[in-house]
Amino acid sequence: MFQHPDLPDFDEGDGEKCKAWIAEQGLQVIMIELETDAPVEIADRYFESDDPDCSYWEPNRPDGEGWFCLAIHDSDDGPVCWWARRVVTP
């Protein structure tokens, strides 16, 4: 799938390490799932195939400025897009 080149490779079970890295980078992250984000025909196409390719899915960007795609990876519920942006500090 896709991963920003600066995102470390976290293993399953590294949730706390991942959260710490996100905080150290000053990022806000929102996860968008293909299952709930994509039009029905796109979701059906993915879930009815045995193909892990989801390159035809264009995840919706969250509202606001500065969002970039940090990663798109598979989860137990199908593909997930991690949108990230720098946290604005006062």
PDB file of N, CA and C in Angstrom:
ATOM      1  N   MET A   1       0.852  -1.154   0.000  1.00  0.00           N
ATOM      2  CA  MET A   1       0.000   0.000   0.000  1.00  0.00           C
ATOM      3  C   MET A   1       0.908   1.230   0.000  1.00  0.00           C
ATOM      4  N   PHE A   2       0.790   2.160   0.936  1.00  0.00           N
ATOM      5  CA  PHE A   2       1.627   3.361   0.914  1.00  0.00           C
ATOM      6  C   PHE A   2       2.047   3.722   2.329  1.00  0.00           C
ATOM      7  N   GLN A   3       3.256   4.249   2.434  1.00  0.00           N
ATOM      8  CA  GLN A   3       3.748   4.754   3.715  1.00  0.00           C
ATOM      9  C   GLN A   3       4.679   5.929   3.441  1.00  0.00           C
ATOM     10  N   HIS A   4       4.467   7.041   4.145  1.00  0.00           N
ATOM     11  CA  HIS A   4       5.364   8.191   4.031  1.00  0.00           C
ATOM     12  C   HIS A   4       6.777   7.718   4.369  1.00  0.00           C
ATOM     13  N   PRO A   5       7.782   8.170   3.626  1.00  0.00           N
ATOM     14  CA  PRO A   5       9.143   7.665   3.854  1.00  0.00           C
ATOM     15  C   PRO A   5       9.702   7.959   5.247  1.00  0.00           C
ATOM     16  N   ASP A   6       9.181   8.958   5.946  1.00  0.00           N
ATOM     17  CA  ASP A   6       9.677   9.266   7.290  1.00  0.00           C
ATOM     18  C   ASP A   6       8.966   8.483   8.396  1.00  0.00           C
ATOM     19  N   LEU A   7       7.906   7.762   8.048  1.00  0.00           N
ATOM     20  CA  LEU A   7       7.170   6.976   9.040  1.00  0.00           C
ATOM     21  C   LEU A   7       7.928   5.684   9.312  1.00  0.00           C
ATOM     22  N   PRO A   8       8.317   5.451  10.574  1.00  0.00           N
ATOM     23  CA  PRO A   8       9.016   4.195  10.888  1.00  0.00           C
ATOM     24  C   PRO A   8       8.118   2.981  10.628  1.00  0.00           C
ATOM     25  N   ASP A   9       8.739   1.827  10.450  1.00  0.00           N
ATOM     26  CA  ASP A   9       7.995   0.581  10.309  1.00  0.00           C
ATOM     27  C   ASP A   9       7.637   0.078  11.706  1.00  0.00           C
ATOM     28  N   PHE A  10       6.374   0.212  12.064  1.00  0.00           N
ATOM     29  CA  PHE A  10       5.908  -0.290  13.345  1.00  0.00           C
ATOM     30  C   PHE A  10       5.314  -1.677  13.142  1.00  0.00           C
ATOM     31  N   ASP A  11       5.552  -2.559  14.099  1.00  0.00           N
ATOM     32  CA  ASP A  11       4.994  -3.901  14.057  1.00  0.00           C
ATOM     33  C   ASP A  11       3.653  -3.922  14.768  1.00  0.00           C
ATOM     34  N   GLU A  12       2.884  -4.966  14.507  1.00  0.00           N
ATOM     35  CA  GLU A  12       1.632  -5.153  15.220  1.00  0.00           C
ATOM     36  C   GLU A  12       1.951  -5.196  16.713  1.00  0.00           C
ATOM     37  N   GLY A  13       1.204  -4.479  17.511  1.00  0.00           N
ATOM     38  CA  GLY A  13       1.466  -4.410  18.944  1.00  0.00           C
ATOM     39  C   GLY A  13       2.318  -3.221  19.348  1.00  0.00           C
ATOM     40  N   ASP A  14       2.779  -2.428  18.360  1.00  0.00           N
ATOM     41  CA  ASP A  14       3.601  -1.246  18.647  1.00  0.00           C
ATOM     42  C   ASP A  14       2.756   0.022  18.761  1.00  0.00           C
ATOM     43  N   GLY A  15       1.507  -0.109  19.168  1.00  0.00           N
ATOM     44  CA  GLY A  15       0.602   1.030  19.229  1.00  0.00           C
ATOM     45  C   GLY A  15       1.139   2.182  20.062  1.00  0.00           C
ATOM     46  N   GLU A  16       1.701   1.880  21.211  1.00  0.00           N
ATOM     47  CA  GLU A  16       2.213   2.941  22.084  1.00  0.00           C
ATOM     48  C   GLU A  16       3.441   3.614  21.473  1.00  0.00           C
ATOM     49  N   LYS A  17       4.303   2.838  20.820  1.00  0.00           N
ATOM     50  CA  LYS A  17       5.470   3.415  20.139  1.00  0.00           C
ATOM     51  C   LYS A  17       5.022   4.334  19.003  1.00  0.00           C
ATOM     52  N   CYS A  18       3.996   3.893  18.284  1.00  0.00           N
ATOM     53  CA  CYS A  18       3.476   4.689  17.171  1.00  0.00           C
ATOM     54  C   CYS A  18       2.881   5.998  17.688  1.00  0.00           C
ATOM     55  N   LYS A  19       2.082   5.922  18.742  1.00  0.00           N
ATOM     56  CA  LYS A  19       1.483   7.130  19.335  1.00  0.00           C
ATOM     57  C   LYS A  19       2.570   8.094  19.818  1.00  0.00           C
ATOM     58  N   ALA A  20       3.628   7.541  20.428  1.00  0.00           N
ATOM     59  CA  ALA A  20       4.733   8.386  20.913  1.00  0.00           C
ATOM     60  C   ALA A  20       5.435   9.069  19.747  1.00  0.00           C
ATOM     61  N   TRP A  21       5.657   8.346  18.654  1.00  0.00           N
ATOM     62  CA  TRP A  21       6.311   8.930  17.479  1.00  0.00           C
ATOM     63  C   TRP A  21       5.451  10.049  16.896  1.00  0.00           C
ATOM     64  N   ILE A  22       4.154   9.826  16.782  1.00  0.00           N
ATOM     65  CA  ILE A  22       3.235  10.844  16.259  1.00  0.00           C
ATOM     66  C   ILE A  22       3.299  12.098  17.128  1.00  0.00           C
ATOM     67  N   ALA A  23       3.279  11.921  18.440  1.00  0.00           N
ATOM     68  CA  ALA A  23       3.363  13.069  19.358  1.00  0.00           C
ATOM     69  C   ALA A  23       4.701  13.791  19.217  1.00  0.00           C
ATOM     70  N   GLU A  24       5.802  13.040  19.111  1.00  0.00           N
ATOM     71  CA  GLU A  24       7.131  13.645  18.948  1.00  0.00           C
ATOM     72  C   GLU A  24       7.214  14.479  17.671  1.00  0.00           C
ATOM     73  N   GLN A  25       6.513  14.061  16.646  1.00  0.00           N
ATOM     74  CA  GLN A  25       6.514  14.775  15.367  1.00  0.00           C
ATOM     75  C   GLN A  25       5.577  15.971  15.371  1.00  0.00           C
ATOM     76  N   GLY A  26       4.770  16.111  16.414  1.00  0.00           N
ATOM     77  CA  GLY A  26       3.808  17.208  16.477  1.00  0.00           C
ATOM     78  C   GLY A  26       2.677  17.043  15.473  1.00  0.00           C
ATOM     79  N   LEU A  27       2.216  15.809  15.304  1.00  0.00           N
ATOM     80  CA  LEU A  27       1.189  15.532  14.305  1.00  0.00           C
ATOM     81  C   LEU A  27      -0.173  15.253  14.928  1.00  0.00           C
ATOM     82  N   GLN A  28      -1.191  15.618  14.192  1.00  0.00           N
ATOM     83  CA  GLN A  28      -2.556  15.185  14.450  1.00  0.00           C
ATOM     84  C   GLN A  28      -2.855  14.166  13.361  1.00  0.00           C
ATOM     85  N   VAL A  29      -3.422  13.018  13.719  1.00  0.00           N
ATOM     86  CA  VAL A  29      -3.708  11.963  12.750  1.00  0.00           C
ATOM     87  C   VAL A  29      -5.181  11.582  12.819  1.00  0.00           C
ATOM     88  N   ILE A  30      -5.786  11.483  11.652  1.00  0.00           N
ATOM     89  CA  ILE A  30      -7.161  11.009  11.515  1.00  0.00           C
ATOM     90  C   ILE A  30      -7.134   9.799  10.595  1.00  0.00           C
ATOM     91  N   MET A  31      -7.806   8.737  11.031  1.00  0.00           N
ATOM     92  CA  MET A  31      -7.876   7.520  10.221  1.00  0.00           C
ATOM     93  C   MET A  31      -9.206   7.455   9.487  1.00  0.00           C
ATOM     94  N   ILE A  32      -9.120   7.214   8.202  1.00  0.00           N
ATOM     95  CA  ILE A  32     -10.302   7.091   7.344  1.00  0.00           C
ATOM     96  C   ILE A  32     -10.316   5.665   6.800  1.00  0.00           C
ATOM     97  N   GLU A  33     -11.412   4.944   7.022  1.00  0.00           N
ATOM     98  CA  GLU A  33     -11.519   3.558   6.563  1.00  0.00           C
ATOM     99  C   GLU A  33     -12.204   3.492   5.208  1.00  0.00           C
ATOM    100  N   LEU A  34     -11.657   2.660   4.316  1.00  0.00           N
ATOM    101  CA  LEU A  34     -12.273   2.457   3.009  1.00  0.00           C
ATOM    102  C   LEU A  34     -13.727   2.025   3.178  1.00  0.00           C
ATOM    103  N   GLU A  35     -13.973   1.134   4.134  1.00  0.00           N
ATOM    104  CA  GLU A  35     -15.311   0.561   4.334  1.00  0.00           C
ATOM    105  C   GLU A  35     -16.379   1.626   4.562  1.00  0.00           C
ATOM    106  N   THR A  36     -16.036   2.705   5.260  1.00  0.00           N
ATOM    107  CA  THR A  36     -17.026   3.745   5.562  1.00  0.00           C
ATOM    108  C   THR A  36     -16.847   5.005   4.727  1.00  0.00           C
ATOM    109  N   ASP A  37     -15.722   5.131   4.050  1.00  0.00           N
ATOM    110  CA  ASP A  37     -15.421   6.345   3.289  1.00  0.00           C
ATOM    111  C   ASP A  37     -15.766   6.225   1.806  1.00  0.00           C
ATOM    112  N   ALA A  38     -15.497   5.076   1.241  1.00  0.00           N
ATOM    113  CA  ALA A  38     -15.626   4.900  -0.211  1.00  0.00           C
ATOM    114  C   ALA A  38     -17.089   4.708  -0.618  1.00  0.00           C
ATOM    115  N   PRO A  39     -17.424   5.102  -1.854  1.00  0.00           N
ATOM    116  CA  PRO A  39     -18.749   4.780  -2.381  1.00  0.00           C
ATOM    117  C   PRO A  39     -18.956   3.257  -2.353  1.00  0.00           C
ATOM    118  N   VAL A  40     -20.198   2.838  -2.285  1.00  0.00           N
ATOM    119  CA  VAL A  40     -20.534   1.421  -2.170  1.00  0.00           C
ATOM    120  C   VAL A  40     -19.864   0.578  -3.243  1.00  0.00           C
ATOM    121  N   GLU A  41     -19.858   1.057  -4.487  1.00  0.00           N
ATOM    122  CA  GLU A  41     -19.267   0.253  -5.560  1.00  0.00           C
ATOM    123  C   GLU A  41     -17.760   0.056  -5.381  1.00  0.00           C
ATOM    124  N   ILE A  42     -17.078   1.046  -4.815  1.00  0.00           N
ATOM    125  CA  ILE A  42     -15.637   0.919  -4.559  1.00  0.00           C
ATOM    126  C   ILE A  42     -15.405  -0.056  -3.410  1.00  0.00           C
ATOM    127  N   ALA A  43     -16.172   0.097  -2.326  1.00  0.00           N
ATOM    128  CA  ALA A  43     -16.037  -0.810  -1.186  1.00  0.00           C
ATOM    129  C   ALA A  43     -16.356  -2.241  -1.604  1.00  0.00           C
ATOM    130  N   ASP A  44     -17.443  -2.418  -2.366  1.00  0.00           N
ATOM    131  CA  ASP A  44     -17.798  -3.758  -2.839  1.00  0.00           C
ATOM    132  C   ASP A  44     -16.695  -4.339  -3.713  1.00  0.00           C
ATOM    133  N   ARG A  45     -16.131  -3.509  -4.579  1.00  0.00           N
ATOM    134  CA  ARG A  45     -15.057  -3.979  -5.465  1.00  0.00           C
ATOM    135  C   ARG A  45     -13.903  -4.541  -4.642  1.00  0.00           C
ATOM    136  N   TYR A  46     -13.532  -3.828  -3.586  1.00  0.00           N
ATOM    137  CA  TYR A  46     -12.416  -4.279  -2.755  1.00  0.00           C
ATOM    138  C   TYR A  46     -12.782  -5.543  -1.972  1.00  0.00           C
ATOM    139  N   PHE A  47     -13.899  -5.492  -1.252  1.00  0.00           N
ATOM    140  CA  PHE A  47     -14.240  -6.588  -0.350  1.00  0.00           C
ATOM    141  C   PHE A  47     -14.699  -7.857  -1.064  1.00  0.00           C
ATOM    142  N   GLU A  48     -15.148  -7.744  -2.310  1.00  0.00           N
ATOM    143  CA  GLU A  48     -15.568  -8.925  -3.057  1.00  0.00           C
ATOM    144  C   GLU A  48     -14.427  -9.571  -3.841  1.00  0.00           C
ATOM    145  N   SER A  49     -13.302  -8.886  -3.893  1.00  0.00           N
ATOM    146  CA  SER A  49     -12.138  -9.454  -4.591  1.00  0.00           C
ATOM    147  C   SER A  49     -11.184 -10.053  -3.565  1.00  0.00           C
ATOM    148  N   ASP A  50     -10.286 -10.855  -4.028  1.00  0.00           N
ATOM    149  CA  ASP A  50      -9.226 -11.383  -3.161  1.00  0.00           C
ATOM    150  C   ASP A  50      -7.920 -10.637  -3.415  1.00  0.00           C
ATOM    151  N   ASP A  51      -8.047  -9.464  -3.998  1.00  0.00           N
ATOM    152  CA  ASP A  51      -6.889  -8.667  -4.387  1.00  0.00           C
ATOM    153  C   ASP A  51      -6.666  -7.563  -3.354  1.00  0.00           C
ATOM    154  N   PRO A  52      -5.472  -7.459  -2.780  1.00  0.00           N
ATOM    155  CA  PRO A  52      -5.211  -6.418  -1.782  1.00  0.00           C
ATOM    156  C   PRO A  52      -5.051  -5.016  -2.376  1.00  0.00           C
ATOM    157  N   ASP A  53      -5.078  -4.908  -3.704  1.00  0.00           N
ATOM    158  CA  ASP A  53      -4.920  -3.598  -4.351  1.00  0.00           C
ATOM    159  C   ASP A  53      -6.141  -2.725  -4.085  1.00  0.00           C
ATOM    160  N   CYS A  54      -5.909  -1.542  -3.554  1.00  0.00           N
ATOM    161  CA  CYS A  54      -6.996  -0.575  -3.352  1.00  0.00           C
ATOM    162  C   CYS A  54      -6.611   0.776  -3.953  1.00  0.00           C
ATOM    163  N   SER A  55      -5.730   0.751  -4.951  1.00  0.00           N
ATOM    164  CA  SER A  55      -5.210   1.990  -5.532  1.00  0.00           C
ATOM    165  C   SER A  55      -6.293   2.832  -6.206  1.00  0.00           C
ATOM    166  N   TYR A  56      -7.428   2.257  -6.493  1.00  0.00           N
ATOM    167  CA  TYR A  56      -8.545   2.979  -7.110  1.00  0.00           C
ATOM    168  C   TYR A  56      -9.345   3.777  -6.072  1.00  0.00           C
ATOM    169  N   TRP A  57      -9.074   3.568  -4.781  1.00  0.00           N
ATOM    170  CA  TRP A  57      -9.739   4.319  -3.705  1.00  0.00           C
ATOM    171  C   TRP A  57      -9.028   5.644  -3.500  1.00  0.00           C
ATOM    172  N   GLU A  58      -9.768   6.722  -3.540  1.00  0.00           N
ATOM    173  CA  GLU A  58      -9.224   8.046  -3.249  1.00  0.00           C
ATOM    174  C   GLU A  58      -9.833   8.510  -1.930  1.00  0.00           C
ATOM    175  N   PRO A  59      -9.126   8.288  -0.813  1.00  0.00           N
ATOM    176  CA  PRO A  59      -9.675   8.636   0.501  1.00  0.00           C
ATOM    177  C   PRO A  59     -10.002  10.125   0.599  1.00  0.00           C
ATOM    178  N   ASN A  60     -11.130  10.422   1.215  1.00  0.00           N
ATOM    179  CA  ASN A  60     -11.524  11.809   1.414  1.00  0.00           C
ATOM    180  C   ASN A  60     -10.618  12.474   2.436  1.00  0.00           C
ATOM    181  N   ARG A  61     -10.146  13.645   2.082  1.00  0.00           N
ATOM    182  CA  ARG A  61      -9.276  14.431   2.952  1.00  0.00           C
ATOM    183  C   ARG A  61     -10.143  15.099   4.031  1.00  0.00           C
ATOM    184  N   PRO A  62      -9.674  15.091   5.279  1.00  0.00           N
ATOM    185  CA  PRO A  62     -10.428  15.773   6.339  1.00  0.00           C
ATOM    186  C   PRO A  62     -10.554  17.272   6.052  1.00  0.00           C
ATOM    187  N   ASP A  63     -11.539  17.897   6.653  1.00  0.00           N
ATOM    188  CA  ASP A  63     -11.705  19.345   6.523  1.00  0.00           C
ATOM    189  C   ASP A  63     -10.531  20.058   7.173  1.00  0.00           C
ATOM    190  N   GLY A  64     -10.187  21.199   6.632  1.00  0.00           N
ATOM    191  CA  GLY A  64      -9.109  21.999   7.189  1.00  0.00           C
ATOM    192  C   GLY A  64      -7.883  21.988   6.293  1.00  0.00           C
ATOM    193  N   GLU A  65      -6.901  22.732   6.726  1.00  0.00           N
ATOM    194  CA  GLU A  65      -5.670  22.923   5.960  1.00  0.00           C
ATOM    195  C   GLU A  65      -4.552  21.999   6.430  1.00  0.00           C
ATOM    196  N   GLY A  66      -3.627  21.717   5.529  1.00  0.00           N
ATOM    197  CA  GLY A  66      -2.369  21.073   5.876  1.00  0.00           C
ATOM    198  C   GLY A  66      -2.357  19.562   5.941  1.00  0.00           C
ATOM    199  N   TRP A  67      -3.439  18.906   5.568  1.00  0.00           N
ATOM    200  CA  TRP A  67      -3.482  17.446   5.656  1.00  0.00           C
ATOM    201  C   TRP A  67      -2.638  16.797   4.554  1.00  0.00           C
ATOM    202  N   PHE A  68      -1.891  15.748   4.918  1.00  0.00           N
ATOM    203  CA  PHE A  68      -1.152  14.956   3.943  1.00  0.00           C
ATOM    204  C   PHE A  68      -1.332  13.481   4.299  1.00  0.00           C
ATOM    205  N   CYS A  69      -1.164  12.631   3.315  1.00  0.00           N
ATOM    206  CA  CYS A  69      -1.322  11.196   3.525  1.00  0.00           C
ATOM    207  C   CYS A  69      -0.060  10.647   4.191  1.00  0.00           C
ATOM    208  N   LEU A  70      -0.215  10.155   5.395  1.00  0.00           N
ATOM    209  CA  LEU A  70       0.903   9.561   6.126  1.00  0.00           C
ATOM    210  C   LEU A  70       1.055   8.079   5.770  1.00  0.00           C
ATOM    211  N   ALA A  71      -0.078   7.400   5.574  1.00  0.00           N
ATOM    212  CA  ALA A  71      -0.016   5.978   5.232  1.00  0.00           C
ATOM    213  C   ALA A  71      -1.378   5.483   4.764  1.00  0.00           C
ATOM    214  N   ILE A  72      -1.348   4.462   3.945  1.00  0.00           N
ATOM    215  CA  ILE A  72      -2.526   3.663   3.628  1.00  0.00           C
ATOM    216  C   ILE A  72      -2.093   2.230   3.844  1.00  0.00           C
ATOM    217  N   HIS A  73      -2.762   1.560   4.758  1.00  0.00           N
ATOM    218  CA  HIS A  73      -2.379   0.186   5.064  1.00  0.00           C
ATOM    219  C   HIS A  73      -3.608  -0.657   5.346  1.00  0.00           C
ATOM    220  N   ASP A  74      -3.404  -1.949   5.351  1.00  0.00           N
ATOM    221  CA  ASP A  74      -4.490  -2.882   5.607  1.00  0.00           C
ATOM    222  C   ASP A  74      -4.702  -3.013   7.110  1.00  0.00           C
ATOM    223  N   SER A  75      -5.946  -3.227   7.492  1.00  0.00           N
ATOM    224  CA  SER A  75      -6.300  -3.484   8.883  1.00  0.00           C
ATOM    225  C   SER A  75      -7.256  -4.671   8.900  1.00  0.00           C
ATOM    226  N   ASP A  76      -7.692  -5.055  10.078  1.00  0.00           N
ATOM    227  CA  ASP A  76      -8.651  -6.160  10.176  1.00  0.00           C
ATOM    228  C   ASP A  76      -9.957  -5.840   9.467  1.00  0.00           C
ATOM    229  N   ASP A  77     -10.257  -4.548   9.300  1.00  0.00           N
ATOM    230  CA  ASP A  77     -11.503  -4.116   8.663  1.00  0.00           C
ATOM    231  C   ASP A  77     -11.292  -3.602   7.246  1.00  0.00           C
ATOM    232  N   GLY A  78     -10.130  -3.857   6.661  1.00  0.00           N
ATOM    233  CA  GLY A  78      -9.837  -3.386   5.321  1.00  0.00           C
ATOM    234  C   GLY A  78      -8.894  -2.199   5.341  1.00  0.00           C
ATOM    235  N   PRO A  79      -8.636  -1.597   4.179  1.00  0.00           N
ATOM    236  CA  PRO A  79      -7.687  -0.492   4.078  1.00  0.00           C
ATOM    237  C   PRO A  79      -8.091   0.729   4.919  1.00  0.00           C
ATOM    238  N   VAL A  80      -7.064   1.370   5.462  1.00  0.00           N
ATOM    239  CA  VAL A  80      -7.226   2.575   6.276  1.00  0.00           C
ATOM    240  C   VAL A  80      -6.225   3.607   5.777  1.00  0.00           C
ATOM    241  N   CYS A  81      -6.687   4.851   5.649  1.00  0.00           N
ATOM    242  CA  CYS A  81      -5.798   5.961   5.301  1.00  0.00           C
ATOM    243  C   CYS A  81      -5.544   6.785   6.555  1.00  0.00           C
ATOM    244  N   TRP A  82      -4.280   7.040   6.838  1.00  0.00           N
ATOM    245  CA  TRP A  82      -3.902   7.920   7.936  1.00  0.00           C
ATOM    246  C   TRP A  82      -3.588   9.282   7.348  1.00  0.00           C
ATOM    247  N   TRP A  83      -4.468  10.244   7.587  1.00  0.00           N
ATOM    248  CA  TRP A  83      -4.209  11.630   7.217  1.00  0.00           C
ATOM    249  C   TRP A  83      -3.537  12.303   8.400  1.00  0.00           C
ATOM    250  N   ALA A  84      -2.544  13.121   8.146  1.00  0.00           N
ATOM    251  CA  ALA A  84      -1.816  13.795   9.223  1.00  0.00           C
ATOM    252  C   ALA A  84      -1.617  15.261   8.865  1.00  0.00           C
ATOM    253  N   ARG A  85      -1.455  16.060   9.915  1.00  0.00           N
ATOM    254  CA  ARG A  85      -1.045  17.457   9.736  1.00  0.00           C
ATOM    255  C   ARG A  85      -0.337  17.895  11.008  1.00  0.00           C
ATOM    256  N   ARG A  86       0.486  18.904  10.845  1.00  0.00           N
ATOM    257  CA  ARG A  86       1.218  19.458  11.992  1.00  0.00           C
ATOM    258  C   ARG A  86       0.225  20.152  12.920  1.00  0.00           C
ATOM    259  N   VAL A  87       0.432  19.926  14.210  1.00  0.00           N
ATOM    260  CA  VAL A  87      -0.401  20.569  15.211  1.00  0.00           C
ATOM    261  C   VAL A  87       0.067  22.012  15.350  1.00  0.00           C
ATOM    262  N   VAL A  88      -0.882  22.922  15.293  1.00  0.00           N
ATOM    263  CA  VAL A  88      -0.558  24.340  15.453  1.00  0.00           C
ATOM    264  C   VAL A  88      -0.486  24.644  16.934  1.00  0.00           C
ATOM    265  N   THR A  89       0.671  25.134  17.366  1.00  0.00           N
ATOM    266  CA  THR A  89       0.822  25.486  18.784  1.00  0.00           C
ATOM    267  C   THR A  89       0.726  26.998  18.912  1.00  0.00           C
ATOM    268  N   PRO A  90       0.026  27.452  19.964  1.00  0.00           N
ATOM    269  CA  PRO A  90      -0.135  28.921  20.143  1.00  0.00           C
ATOM    270  C   PRO A  90       1.144  29.633  20.455  1.00  0.00           C
TER     271      PRO A  90
END
